[in-house]
């Protein structure tokens, strides 16, 4: 024989639970507003970084600006002493 389903007890109107629910709703709304503020701040910081990057690019010489970044980094002399010793020998 299958066990009986248990009936749930009706919820009592407890003033403590009402206060707790009100507190949780207030807390949730506060969290949503702060998350929104943080997202706005992140977007503003991203814009600032992007603008700073563009300004730094503008300040570079035109020849450096137009080179491919792989070519730019390959053109630098290696700074490891092992490579220098091999070239001297």
Protein backbone atom coordinates (compact mmCIF):
# COMPACT_ATOMS: atom_id res chain seq x y z
CA UNK A 1 0.00 0.00 0.00
CA UNK A 2 1.34 3.47 -0.94
CA UNK A 3 2.07 5.87 1.88
CA UNK A 4 -0.28 8.75 2.41
CA UNK A 5 0.66 12.19 1.23
CA UNK A 6 1.31 14.53 4.06
CA UNK A 7 -0.75 17.64 4.17
CA UNK A 8 1.08 20.90 4.69
CA UNK A 9 0.18 22.96 7.66
CA UNK A 10 -1.35 26.34 6.94
CA UNK A 11 1.09 29.15 7.44
CA UNK A 12 0.53 31.21 10.54
CA UNK A 13 0.76 34.96 10.30
CA UNK A 14 3.74 35.45 12.52
CA UNK A 15 4.92 39.08 12.90
CA UNK A 16 8.50 37.86 12.97
CA UNK A 17 8.22 36.22 9.55
CA UNK A 18 6.54 39.34 8.16
CA UNK A 19 9.46 41.46 9.39
CA UNK A 20 11.92 38.93 8.00
CA UNK A 21 10.24 38.94 4.58
CA UNK A 22 10.20 42.74 4.54
CA UNK A 23 13.88 42.79 5.46
CA UNK A 24 14.72 40.29 2.70
CA UNK A 25 12.78 42.29 0.10
CA UNK A 26 14.59 45.45 1.16
CA UNK A 27 17.91 43.62 1.06
CA UNK A 28 17.19 42.26 -2.45
CA UNK A 29 16.28 45.70 -3.77
CA UNK A 30 19.44 47.19 -2.23
CA UNK A 31 21.55 44.46 -3.83
CA UNK A 32 19.96 45.13 -7.23
CA UNK A 33 20.67 48.85 -7.02
CA UNK A 34 24.28 48.29 -5.94
CA UNK A 35 24.86 45.74 -8.70
CA UNK A 36 23.47 48.24 -11.19
CA UNK A 37 25.81 50.93 -9.85
CA UNK A 38 28.78 48.56 -10.10
CA UNK A 39 27.93 47.67 -13.70
CA UNK A 40 27.73 51.36 -14.58
CA UNK A 41 31.09 51.94 -12.90
CA UNK A 42 32.63 49.02 -14.81
CA UNK A 43 31.35 50.43 -18.10
CA UNK A 44 32.78 53.85 -17.23
CA UNK A 45 36.16 52.32 -16.35
CA UNK A 46 36.19 50.38 -19.62
CA UNK A 47 35.50 53.58 -21.53
CA UNK A 48 38.30 55.35 -19.65
CA UNK A 49 40.76 52.54 -20.44
CA UNK A 50 39.73 52.52 -24.09
CA UNK A 51 40.16 56.30 -24.33
CA UNK A 52 43.57 56.13 -22.63
CA UNK A 53 44.66 53.37 -25.00
CA UNK A 54 43.57 55.40 -28.02
CA UNK A 55 45.39 58.46 -26.71
CA UNK A 56 48.56 56.42 -26.18
CA UNK A 57 48.29 55.12 -29.74
CA UNK A 58 47.93 58.64 -31.08
CA UNK A 59 51.10 59.72 -29.24
CA UNK A 60 53.17 56.98 -30.92
CA UNK A 61 55.12 57.81 -34.06
CA UNK A 62 53.28 57.05 -37.27
CA UNK A 63 55.80 54.37 -38.33
CA UNK A 64 55.33 52.48 -35.08
CA UNK A 65 51.55 52.83 -35.27
CA UNK A 66 51.40 51.28 -38.71
CA UNK A 67 53.65 48.28 -37.98
CA UNK A 68 52.16 44.94 -37.16
CA UNK A 69 52.54 44.15 -33.47
CA UNK A 70 54.23 40.81 -34.24
CA UNK A 71 56.84 42.61 -36.37
CA UNK A 72 57.30 45.21 -33.64
CA UNK A 73 58.07 42.63 -30.96
CA UNK A 74 60.23 40.45 -33.23
CA UNK A 75 62.43 43.44 -34.09
CA UNK A 76 63.62 43.82 -30.49
CA UNK A 77 66.95 42.35 -29.54
CA UNK A 78 66.64 39.32 -27.22
CA UNK A 79 67.84 40.17 -23.74
CA UNK A 80 68.84 36.72 -22.52
CA UNK A 81 72.60 36.27 -21.89
CA UNK A 82 72.60 32.81 -23.51
CA UNK A 83 71.70 34.28 -26.91
CA UNK A 84 74.41 36.96 -26.56
CA UNK A 85 77.06 34.32 -25.72
CA UNK A 86 76.14 32.26 -28.77
CA UNK A 87 76.50 35.26 -31.08
CA UNK A 88 79.94 36.14 -29.63
CA UNK A 89 81.36 32.62 -30.22
